[in-house]
Full PDB file with SEQRES, HELIX, SHEET, SSBOND, CRYST1, ORIGX, SCALE, CONECT and MASTER records, all heavy atoms in Angstrom:
SEQRES   1 A   37  GLN ILE LYS ASP GLU TYR THR ILE ASN LEU ASN ALA VAL          
SEQRES   2 A   37  LYS ALA ALA ILE GLY LYS GLU PRO THR MET ALA ARG PRO          
SEQRES   3 A   37  PRO PHE GLY ASN CYS ASN GLU ALA CYS ALA LYS                  
HELIX    1 AA1 ILE A    2  ILE A   17  1                                  16    
HELIX    2 AA2 PRO A   27  GLY A   29  5                                   3    
HELIX    3 AA3 GLU A   33  ALA A   36  1                                   4    
SSBOND   1 CYS A   31    CYS A   35                          1555   1555  2.07  
CRYST1    1.000    1.000    1.000  90.00  90.00  90.00 P 1           1          
ORIGX1      1.000000  0.000000  0.000000        0.00000                         
ORIGX2      0.000000  1.000000  0.000000        0.00000                         
ORIGX3      0.000000  0.000000  1.000000        0.00000                         
SCALE1      1.000000  0.000000  0.000000        0.00000                         
SCALE2      0.000000  1.000000  0.000000        0.00000                         
SCALE3      0.000000  0.000000  1.000000        0.00000                         
ATOM      1  N   GLN A   1       0.792  -1.191   0.026  1.00  0.00           N  
ATOM      2  CA  GLN A   1       0.028   0.013  -0.006  1.00  0.00           C  
ATOM      3  C   GLN A   1       0.864   1.303   0.039  1.00  0.00           C  
ATOM      4  O   GLN A   1       0.509   2.252  -0.670  1.00  0.00           O  
ATOM      5  CB  GLN A   1      -0.925   0.043   1.233  1.00  0.00           C  
ATOM      6  CG  GLN A   1      -2.085  -1.003   1.133  1.00  0.00           C  
ATOM      7  CD  GLN A   1      -2.727  -1.145   2.421  1.00  0.00           C  
ATOM      8  OE1 GLN A   1      -2.219  -1.046   3.530  1.00  0.00           O  
ATOM      9  NE2 GLN A   1      -4.137  -1.394   2.391  1.00  0.00           N  
ATOM     10  N   ILE A   2       1.941   1.241   0.772  1.00  0.00           N  
ATOM     11  CA  ILE A   2       2.835   2.374   0.771  1.00  0.00           C  
ATOM     12  C   ILE A   2       3.456   2.611  -0.536  1.00  0.00           C  
ATOM     13  O   ILE A   2       3.495   3.821  -1.076  1.00  0.00           O  
ATOM     14  CB  ILE A   2       4.083   2.131   1.712  1.00  0.00           C  
ATOM     15  CG1 ILE A   2       3.525   2.085   3.221  1.00  0.00           C  
ATOM     16  CG2 ILE A   2       5.077   3.166   1.727  1.00  0.00           C  
ATOM     17  CD1 ILE A   2       4.430   1.549   4.256  1.00  0.00           C  
ATOM     18  N   LYS A   3       3.895   1.483  -1.299  1.00  0.00           N  
ATOM     19  CA  LYS A   3       4.404   1.731  -2.554  1.00  0.00           C  
ATOM     20  C   LYS A   3       3.356   2.242  -3.552  1.00  0.00           C  
ATOM     21  O   LYS A   3       3.687   3.054  -4.388  1.00  0.00           O  
ATOM     22  CB  LYS A   3       4.986   0.331  -3.138  1.00  0.00           C  
ATOM     23  CG  LYS A   3       5.838   0.514  -4.361  1.00  0.00           C  
ATOM     24  CD  LYS A   3       6.673  -0.760  -4.582  1.00  0.00           C  
ATOM     25  CE  LYS A   3       7.558  -0.410  -5.844  1.00  0.00           C  
ATOM     26  NZ  LYS A   3       8.411  -1.679  -6.054  1.00  0.00           N  
ATOM     27  N   ASP A   4       2.100   1.791  -3.414  1.00  0.00           N  
ATOM     28  CA  ASP A   4       1.083   2.233  -4.274  1.00  0.00           C  
ATOM     29  C   ASP A   4       0.780   3.746  -4.154  1.00  0.00           C  
ATOM     30  O   ASP A   4       0.733   4.460  -5.133  1.00  0.00           O  
ATOM     31  CB  ASP A   4      -0.262   1.404  -4.016  1.00  0.00           C  
ATOM     32  CG  ASP A   4      -0.232   0.120  -4.548  1.00  0.00           C  
ATOM     33  OD1 ASP A   4       0.587  -0.195  -5.519  1.00  0.00           O  
ATOM     34  OD2 ASP A   4      -1.108  -0.823  -4.239  1.00  0.00           O  
ATOM     35  N   GLU A   5       0.776   4.207  -2.857  1.00  0.00           N  
ATOM     36  CA  GLU A   5       0.722   5.552  -2.528  1.00  0.00           C  
ATOM     37  C   GLU A   5       1.579   6.503  -3.260  1.00  0.00           C  
ATOM     38  O   GLU A   5       1.298   7.493  -3.837  1.00  0.00           O  
ATOM     39  CB  GLU A   5       0.662   5.778  -1.074  1.00  0.00           C  
ATOM     40  CG  GLU A   5      -0.534   5.422  -0.286  1.00  0.00           C  
ATOM     41  CD  GLU A   5      -1.629   6.481  -0.382  1.00  0.00           C  
ATOM     42  OE1 GLU A   5      -1.247   7.744  -0.473  1.00  0.00           O  
ATOM     43  OE2 GLU A   5      -2.772   6.143  -0.186  1.00  0.00           O  
ATOM     44  N   TYR A   6       2.972   6.168  -3.197  1.00  0.00           N  
ATOM     45  CA  TYR A   6       3.948   6.772  -3.769  1.00  0.00           C  
ATOM     46  C   TYR A   6       4.047   6.776  -5.235  1.00  0.00           C  
ATOM     47  O   TYR A   6       4.517   7.648  -5.984  1.00  0.00           O  
ATOM     48  CB  TYR A   6       5.243   6.783  -2.910  1.00  0.00           C  
ATOM     49  CG  TYR A   6       5.122   7.637  -1.702  1.00  0.00           C  
ATOM     50  CD1 TYR A   6       4.734   6.998  -0.474  1.00  0.00           C  
ATOM     51  CD2 TYR A   6       5.443   8.985  -1.745  1.00  0.00           C  
ATOM     52  CE1 TYR A   6       4.592   7.746   0.643  1.00  0.00           C  
ATOM     53  CE2 TYR A   6       5.466   9.713  -0.509  1.00  0.00           C  
ATOM     54  CZ  TYR A   6       5.009   9.152   0.599  1.00  0.00           C  
ATOM     55  OH  TYR A   6       4.939   9.884   1.831  1.00  0.00           O  
ATOM     56  N   THR A   7       3.761   5.552  -5.755  1.00  0.00           N  
ATOM     57  CA  THR A   7       3.796   5.275  -7.205  1.00  0.00           C  
ATOM     58  C   THR A   7       2.793   6.161  -7.932  1.00  0.00           C  
ATOM     59  O   THR A   7       3.083   6.711  -8.838  1.00  0.00           O  
ATOM     60  CB  THR A   7       3.715   3.873  -7.590  1.00  0.00           C  
ATOM     61  OG1 THR A   7       4.727   3.076  -7.000  1.00  0.00           O  
ATOM     62  CG2 THR A   7       3.690   3.529  -9.041  1.00  0.00           C  
ATOM     63  N   ILE A   8       1.577   6.181  -7.312  1.00  0.00           N  
ATOM     64  CA  ILE A   8       0.528   6.916  -7.872  1.00  0.00           C  
ATOM     65  C   ILE A   8       0.870   8.508  -7.833  1.00  0.00           C  
ATOM     66  O   ILE A   8       0.657   9.242  -8.666  1.00  0.00           O  
ATOM     67  CB  ILE A   8      -0.828   6.712  -7.249  1.00  0.00           C  
ATOM     68  CG1 ILE A   8      -1.215   5.261  -7.478  1.00  0.00           C  
ATOM     69  CG2 ILE A   8      -2.000   7.681  -7.691  1.00  0.00           C  
ATOM     70  CD1 ILE A   8      -2.502   4.842  -6.644  1.00  0.00           C  
ATOM     71  N   ASN A   9       1.362   8.893  -6.656  1.00  0.00           N  
ATOM     72  CA  ASN A   9       1.900  10.255  -6.471  1.00  0.00           C  
ATOM     73  C   ASN A   9       2.957  10.589  -7.468  1.00  0.00           C  
ATOM     74  O   ASN A   9       2.856  11.648  -8.115  1.00  0.00           O  
ATOM     75  CB  ASN A   9       2.399  10.291  -4.950  1.00  0.00           C  
ATOM     76  CG  ASN A   9       2.784  11.668  -4.619  1.00  0.00           C  
ATOM     77  OD1 ASN A   9       3.313  11.813  -3.464  1.00  0.00           O  
ATOM     78  ND2 ASN A   9       2.391  12.749  -5.287  1.00  0.00           N  
ATOM     79  N   LEU A  10       3.888   9.659  -7.723  1.00  0.00           N  
ATOM     80  CA  LEU A  10       4.940  10.050  -8.580  1.00  0.00           C  
ATOM     81  C   LEU A  10       4.420  10.094  -9.944  1.00  0.00           C  
ATOM     82  O   LEU A  10       4.824  11.077 -10.668  1.00  0.00           O  
ATOM     83  CB  LEU A  10       5.959   8.846  -8.519  1.00  0.00           C  
ATOM     84  CG  LEU A  10       7.197   8.866  -9.437  1.00  0.00           C  
ATOM     85  CD1 LEU A  10       8.125  10.217  -9.029  1.00  0.00           C  
ATOM     86  CD2 LEU A  10       8.039   7.587  -9.344  1.00  0.00           C  
ATOM     87  N   ASN A  11       3.670   9.268 -10.414  1.00  0.00           N  
ATOM     88  CA  ASN A  11       2.996   9.293 -11.764  1.00  0.00           C  
ATOM     89  C   ASN A  11       2.190  10.575 -12.054  1.00  0.00           C  
ATOM     90  O   ASN A  11       2.249  11.076 -13.207  1.00  0.00           O  
ATOM     91  CB  ASN A  11       2.195   8.085 -12.052  1.00  0.00           C  
ATOM     92  CG  ASN A  11       3.040   6.738 -12.236  1.00  0.00           C  
ATOM     93  OD1 ASN A  11       4.238   6.855 -12.440  1.00  0.00           O  
ATOM     94  ND2 ASN A  11       2.460   5.555 -11.921  1.00  0.00           N  
ATOM     95  N   ALA A  12       1.497  10.887 -11.059  1.00  0.00           N  
ATOM     96  CA  ALA A  12       0.702  12.221 -11.186  1.00  0.00           C  
ATOM     97  C   ALA A  12       1.502  13.409 -11.320  1.00  0.00           C  
ATOM     98  O   ALA A  12       1.255  14.279 -12.126  1.00  0.00           O  
ATOM     99  CB  ALA A  12      -0.301  12.326 -10.013  1.00  0.00           C  
ATOM    100  N   VAL A  13       2.655  13.513 -10.625  1.00  0.00           N  
ATOM    101  CA  VAL A  13       3.548  14.575 -10.662  1.00  0.00           C  
ATOM    102  C   VAL A  13       4.315  14.561 -12.060  1.00  0.00           C  
ATOM    103  O   VAL A  13       4.372  15.528 -12.731  1.00  0.00           O  
ATOM    104  CB  VAL A  13       4.585  14.551  -9.540  1.00  0.00           C  
ATOM    105  CG1 VAL A  13       5.602  15.549  -9.778  1.00  0.00           C  
ATOM    106  CG2 VAL A  13       3.849  14.808  -8.239  1.00  0.00           C  
ATOM    107  N   LYS A  14       4.687  13.338 -12.426  1.00  0.00           N  
ATOM    108  CA  LYS A  14       5.444  13.320 -13.718  1.00  0.00           C  
ATOM    109  C   LYS A  14       4.477  13.709 -14.805  1.00  0.00           C  
ATOM    110  O   LYS A  14       4.925  14.304 -15.865  1.00  0.00           O  
ATOM    111  CB  LYS A  14       5.892  11.889 -13.985  1.00  0.00           C  
ATOM    112  CG  LYS A  14       6.753  11.662 -15.200  1.00  0.00           C  
ATOM    113  CD  LYS A  14       7.286  10.289 -15.367  1.00  0.00           C  
ATOM    114  CE  LYS A  14       8.161  10.147 -16.559  1.00  0.00           C  
ATOM    115  NZ  LYS A  14       8.546   8.769 -16.797  1.00  0.00           N  
ATOM    116  N   ALA A  15       3.192  13.356 -14.736  1.00  0.00           N  
ATOM    117  CA  ALA A  15       2.239  13.752 -15.828  1.00  0.00           C  
ATOM    118  C   ALA A  15       2.103  15.233 -15.939  1.00  0.00           C  
ATOM    119  O   ALA A  15       1.943  15.833 -17.039  1.00  0.00           O  
ATOM    120  CB  ALA A  15       0.946  12.966 -15.583  1.00  0.00           C  
ATOM    121  N   ALA A  16       2.208  15.953 -14.759  1.00  0.00           N  
ATOM    122  CA  ALA A  16       2.127  17.379 -14.765  1.00  0.00           C  
ATOM    123  C   ALA A  16       3.255  18.153 -15.125  1.00  0.00           C  
ATOM    124  O   ALA A  16       3.179  19.157 -15.863  1.00  0.00           O  
ATOM    125  CB  ALA A  16       1.601  17.790 -13.399  1.00  0.00           C  
ATOM    126  N   ILE A  17       4.499  17.702 -14.707  1.00  0.00           N  
ATOM    127  CA  ILE A  17       5.638  18.616 -14.872  1.00  0.00           C  
ATOM    128  C   ILE A  17       6.764  17.739 -15.691  1.00  0.00           C  
ATOM    129  O   ILE A  17       7.725  18.439 -16.072  1.00  0.00           O  
ATOM    130  CB  ILE A  17       6.267  18.934 -13.559  1.00  0.00           C  
ATOM    131  CG1 ILE A  17       6.879  17.703 -12.809  1.00  0.00           C  
ATOM    132  CG2 ILE A  17       5.227  19.631 -12.592  1.00  0.00           C  
ATOM    133  CD1 ILE A  17       7.655  18.075 -11.567  1.00  0.00           C  
ATOM    134  N   GLY A  18       6.492  16.497 -16.112  1.00  0.00           N  
ATOM    135  CA  GLY A  18       7.444  15.780 -16.935  1.00  0.00           C  
ATOM    136  C   GLY A  18       8.654  15.407 -16.199  1.00  0.00           C  
ATOM    137  O   GLY A  18       9.672  15.037 -16.845  1.00  0.00           O  
ATOM    138  N   LYS A  19       8.782  15.423 -14.932  1.00  0.00           N  
ATOM    139  CA  LYS A  19       9.895  15.012 -14.040  1.00  0.00           C  
ATOM    140  C   LYS A  19       9.524  14.170 -12.906  1.00  0.00           C  
ATOM    141  O   LYS A  19       8.438  14.301 -12.395  1.00  0.00           O  
ATOM    142  CB  LYS A  19      10.734  16.300 -13.648  1.00  0.00           C  
ATOM    143  CG  LYS A  19      11.297  17.091 -14.729  1.00  0.00           C  
ATOM    144  CD  LYS A  19      11.889  18.385 -14.232  1.00  0.00           C  
ATOM    145  CE  LYS A  19      11.022  19.511 -13.682  1.00  0.00           C  
ATOM    146  NZ  LYS A  19      11.729  20.779 -13.446  1.00  0.00           N  
ATOM    147  N   GLU A  20      10.440  13.293 -12.532  1.00  0.00           N  
ATOM    148  CA  GLU A  20      10.240  12.421 -11.422  1.00  0.00           C  
ATOM    149  C   GLU A  20      10.935  12.852 -10.156  1.00  0.00           C  
ATOM    150  O   GLU A  20      12.223  12.765 -10.142  1.00  0.00           O  
ATOM    151  CB  GLU A  20      10.636  10.963 -11.785  1.00  0.00           C  
ATOM    152  CG  GLU A  20       9.760  10.358 -12.892  1.00  0.00           C  
ATOM    153  CD  GLU A  20      10.224   8.915 -13.229  1.00  0.00           C  
ATOM    154  OE1 GLU A  20      10.586   8.270 -12.200  1.00  0.00           O  
ATOM    155  OE2 GLU A  20      10.106   8.572 -14.290  1.00  0.00           O  
ATOM    156  N   PRO A  21      10.302  13.307  -9.142  1.00  0.00           N  
ATOM    157  CA  PRO A  21      10.940  13.773  -7.973  1.00  0.00           C  
ATOM    158  C   PRO A  21      11.667  12.649  -7.159  1.00  0.00           C  
ATOM    159  O   PRO A  21      11.400  11.375  -7.332  1.00  0.00           O  
ATOM    160  CB  PRO A  21       9.897  14.254  -7.069  1.00  0.00           C  
ATOM    161  CG  PRO A  21       8.792  14.528  -8.011  1.00  0.00           C  
ATOM    162  CD  PRO A  21       8.895  13.646  -9.040  1.00  0.00           C  
ATOM    163  N   THR A  22      12.775  12.925  -6.515  1.00  0.00           N  
ATOM    164  CA  THR A  22      13.692  11.950  -5.872  1.00  0.00           C  
ATOM    165  C   THR A  22      13.385  12.158  -4.269  1.00  0.00           C  
ATOM    166  O   THR A  22      14.029  11.339  -3.503  1.00  0.00           O  
ATOM    167  CB  THR A  22      15.109  12.164  -6.058  1.00  0.00           C  
ATOM    168  OG1 THR A  22      15.598  13.367  -5.614  1.00  0.00           O  
ATOM    169  CG2 THR A  22      15.418  12.065  -7.558  1.00  0.00           C  
ATOM    170  N   MET A  23      12.542  13.178  -3.906  1.00  0.00           N  
ATOM    171  CA  MET A  23      12.492  13.398  -2.407  1.00  0.00           C  
ATOM    172  C   MET A  23      11.008  13.202  -2.057  1.00  0.00           C  
ATOM    173  O   MET A  23      10.055  13.507  -2.838  1.00  0.00           O  
ATOM    174  CB  MET A  23      13.028  14.713  -2.081  1.00  0.00           C  
ATOM    175  CG  MET A  23      14.500  14.900  -2.433  1.00  0.00           C  
ATOM    176  SD  MET A  23      15.140  16.554  -1.934  1.00  0.00           S  
ATOM    177  CE  MET A  23      16.688  16.545  -2.827  1.00  0.00           C  
ATOM    178  N   ALA A  24      10.768  12.786  -0.812  1.00  0.00           N  
ATOM    179  CA  ALA A  24       9.442  12.612  -0.285  1.00  0.00           C  
ATOM    180  C   ALA A  24       9.338  12.831   1.092  1.00  0.00           C  
ATOM    181  O   ALA A  24      10.214  12.790   1.934  1.00  0.00           O  
ATOM    182  CB  ALA A  24       9.014  11.151  -0.604  1.00  0.00           C  
ATOM    183  N   ARG A  25       8.055  13.317   1.472  1.00  0.00           N  
ATOM    184  CA  ARG A  25       7.699  13.578   2.894  1.00  0.00           C  
ATOM    185  C   ARG A  25       6.676  12.704   3.259  1.00  0.00           C  
ATOM    186  O   ARG A  25       5.531  12.734   2.526  1.00  0.00           O  
ATOM    187  CB  ARG A  25       7.428  15.064   3.094  1.00  0.00           C  
ATOM    188  CG  ARG A  25       6.909  15.280   4.555  1.00  0.00           C  
ATOM    189  CD  ARG A  25       6.879  16.888   4.765  1.00  0.00           C  
ATOM    190  NE  ARG A  25       8.166  17.487   4.950  1.00  0.00           N  
ATOM    191  CZ  ARG A  25       8.358  18.791   4.745  1.00  0.00           C  
ATOM    192  NH1 ARG A  25       7.411  19.631   4.357  1.00  0.00           N  
ATOM    193  NH2 ARG A  25       9.552  19.293   4.879  1.00  0.00           N  
ATOM    194  N   PRO A  26       6.606  11.895   4.298  1.00  0.00           N  
ATOM    195  CA  PRO A  26       5.431  11.203   4.702  1.00  0.00           C  
ATOM    196  C   PRO A  26       4.441  11.996   5.524  1.00  0.00           C  
ATOM    197  O   PRO A  26       4.898  12.859   6.301  1.00  0.00           O  
ATOM    198  CB  PRO A  26       6.080  10.099   5.728  1.00  0.00           C  
ATOM    199  CG  PRO A  26       7.275  10.746   6.239  1.00  0.00           C  
ATOM    200  CD  PRO A  26       7.808  11.641   5.134  1.00  0.00           C  
ATOM    201  N   PRO A  27       3.123  11.738   5.209  1.00  0.00           N  
ATOM    202  CA  PRO A  27       2.111  12.616   6.001  1.00  0.00           C  
ATOM    203  C   PRO A  27       2.375  12.440   7.497  1.00  0.00           C  
ATOM    204  O   PRO A  27       2.621  11.206   8.007  1.00  0.00           O  
ATOM    205  CB  PRO A  27       0.825  11.984   5.461  1.00  0.00           C  
ATOM    206  CG  PRO A  27       1.136  11.467   4.118  1.00  0.00           C  
ATOM    207  CD  PRO A  27       2.540  10.955   4.197  1.00  0.00           C  
ATOM    208  N   PHE A  28       2.192  13.514   8.219  1.00  0.00           N  
ATOM    209  CA  PHE A  28       2.264  13.591   9.713  1.00  0.00           C  
ATOM    210  C   PHE A  28       3.811  13.301  10.242  1.00  0.00           C  
ATOM    211  O   PHE A  28       3.999  13.273  11.400  1.00  0.00           O  
ATOM    212  CB  PHE A  28       1.467  12.455  10.384  1.00  0.00           C  
ATOM    213  CG  PHE A  28       0.046  12.318   9.781  1.00  0.00           C  
ATOM    214  CD1 PHE A  28      -0.307  11.208   9.154  1.00  0.00           C  
ATOM    215  CD2 PHE A  28      -0.838  13.409  10.100  1.00  0.00           C  
ATOM    216  CE1 PHE A  28      -1.651  11.151   8.483  1.00  0.00           C  
ATOM    217  CE2 PHE A  28      -2.160  13.283   9.464  1.00  0.00           C  
ATOM    218  CZ  PHE A  28      -2.481  12.136   8.786  1.00  0.00           C  
ATOM    219  N   GLY A  29       4.670  13.170   9.215  1.00  0.00           N  
ATOM    220  CA  GLY A  29       6.043  12.712   9.629  1.00  0.00           C  
ATOM    221  C   GLY A  29       6.241  11.306   9.932  1.00  0.00           C  
ATOM    222  O   GLY A  29       7.294  10.918  10.438  1.00  0.00           O  
ATOM    223  N   ASN A  30       5.149  10.464   9.748  1.00  0.00           N  
ATOM    224  CA  ASN A  30       5.215   9.156  10.097  1.00  0.00           C  
ATOM    225  C   ASN A  30       5.767   8.163   9.065  1.00  0.00           C  
ATOM    226  O   ASN A  30       5.206   8.013   7.930  1.00  0.00           O  
ATOM    227  CB  ASN A  30       3.751   8.686  10.321  1.00  0.00           C  
ATOM    228  CG  ASN A  30       3.123   9.300  11.613  1.00  0.00           C  
ATOM    229  OD1 ASN A  30       3.864   9.977  12.331  1.00  0.00           O  
ATOM    230  ND2 ASN A  30       1.832   9.037  11.964  1.00  0.00           N  
ATOM    231  N   CYS A  31       6.878   7.761   9.375  1.00  0.00           N  
ATOM    232  CA  CYS A  31       7.551   6.697   8.548  1.00  0.00           C  
ATOM    233  C   CYS A  31       8.388   5.706   9.261  1.00  0.00           C  
ATOM    234  O   CYS A  31       9.594   6.169   9.561  1.00  0.00           O  
ATOM    235  CB  CYS A  31       8.331   7.416   7.443  1.00  0.00           C  
ATOM    236  SG  CYS A  31       8.907   6.261   6.072  1.00  0.00           S  
ATOM    237  N   ASN A  32       7.877   4.656   9.712  1.00  0.00           N  
ATOM    238  CA  ASN A  32       8.663   3.689  10.485  1.00  0.00           C  
ATOM    239  C   ASN A  32       9.602   2.896   9.618  1.00  0.00           C  
ATOM    240  O   ASN A  32       9.775   3.203   8.520  1.00  0.00           O  
ATOM    241  CB  ASN A  32       7.669   2.904  11.311  1.00  0.00           C  
ATOM    242  CG  ASN A  32       6.678   2.054  10.395  1.00  0.00           C  
ATOM    243  OD1 ASN A  32       6.976   1.871   9.275  1.00  0.00           O  
ATOM    244  ND2 ASN A  32       5.574   1.491  10.900  1.00  0.00           N  
ATOM    245  N   GLU A  33      10.117   1.888  10.331  1.00  0.00           N  
ATOM    246  CA  GLU A  33      11.198   1.181   9.540  1.00  0.00           C  
ATOM    247  C   GLU A  33      10.643   0.443   8.307  1.00  0.00           C  
ATOM    248  O   GLU A  33      11.276   0.485   7.275  1.00  0.00           O  
ATOM    249  CB  GLU A  33      11.848  -0.018  10.471  1.00  0.00           C  
ATOM    250  CG  GLU A  33      13.010  -0.729   9.802  1.00  0.00           C  
ATOM    251  CD  GLU A  33      13.609  -1.782  10.879  1.00  0.00           C  
ATOM    252  OE1 GLU A  33      13.221  -1.582  12.123  1.00  0.00           O  
ATOM    253  OE2 GLU A  33      14.406  -2.519  10.468  1.00  0.00           O  
ATOM    254  N   ALA A  34       9.455  -0.109   8.375  1.00  0.00           N  
ATOM    255  CA  ALA A  34       8.844  -0.661   7.195  1.00  0.00           C  
ATOM    256  C   ALA A  34       8.566   0.326   6.071  1.00  0.00           C  
ATOM    257  O   ALA A  34       8.773   0.059   4.841  1.00  0.00           O  
ATOM    258  CB  ALA A  34       7.536  -1.384   7.572  1.00  0.00           C  
ATOM    259  N   CYS A  35       8.064   1.522   6.531  1.00  0.00           N  
ATOM    260  CA  CYS A  35       7.847   2.577   5.537  1.00  0.00           C  
ATOM    261  C   CYS A  35       9.239   2.962   4.824  1.00  0.00           C  
ATOM    262  O   CYS A  35       9.302   3.182   3.621  1.00  0.00           O  
ATOM    263  CB  CYS A  35       7.254   3.772   6.226  1.00  0.00           C  
ATOM    264  SG  CYS A  35       7.261   5.299   5.277  1.00  0.00           S  
ATOM    265  N   ALA A  36      10.267   3.256   5.673  1.00  0.00           N  
ATOM    266  CA  ALA A  36      11.479   3.666   5.085  1.00  0.00           C  
ATOM    267  C   ALA A  36      12.149   2.745   4.202  1.00  0.00           C  
ATOM    268  O   ALA A  36      12.794   3.003   3.204  1.00  0.00           O  
ATOM    269  CB  ALA A  36      12.439   3.875   6.278  1.00  0.00           C  
ATOM    270  N   LYS A  37      11.918   1.279   4.451  1.00  0.00           N  
ATOM    271  CA  LYS A  37      12.388   0.262   3.595  1.00  0.00           C  
ATOM    272  C   LYS A  37      11.858   0.415   2.188  1.00  0.00           C  
ATOM    273  O   LYS A  37      12.364   0.282   1.241  1.00  0.00           O  
ATOM    274  CB  LYS A  37      12.059  -1.195   4.135  1.00  0.00           C  
ATOM    275  CG  LYS A  37      12.664  -2.245   3.310  1.00  0.00           C  
ATOM    276  CD  LYS A  37      12.421  -3.508   4.000  1.00  0.00           C  
ATOM    277  CE  LYS A  37      13.089  -4.646   3.240  1.00  0.00           C  
ATOM    278  NZ  LYS A  37      12.595  -4.866   1.941  1.00  0.00           N  
TER     279      LYS A  37                                                      
CONECT  236  264                                                                
CONECT  264  236                                                                
MASTER        0    0    0    3    0    0    0    6  278    1    2    3          
END                                                                             
């Protein structure tokens, strides 16, 4: 689910600006070990 969240996010951004960001921020600052992996 985490990968789906950011893959969809990435694709939406790429469709709008033609570039793929390398940086991300987790909502609420929540990103445990599994998320970071």
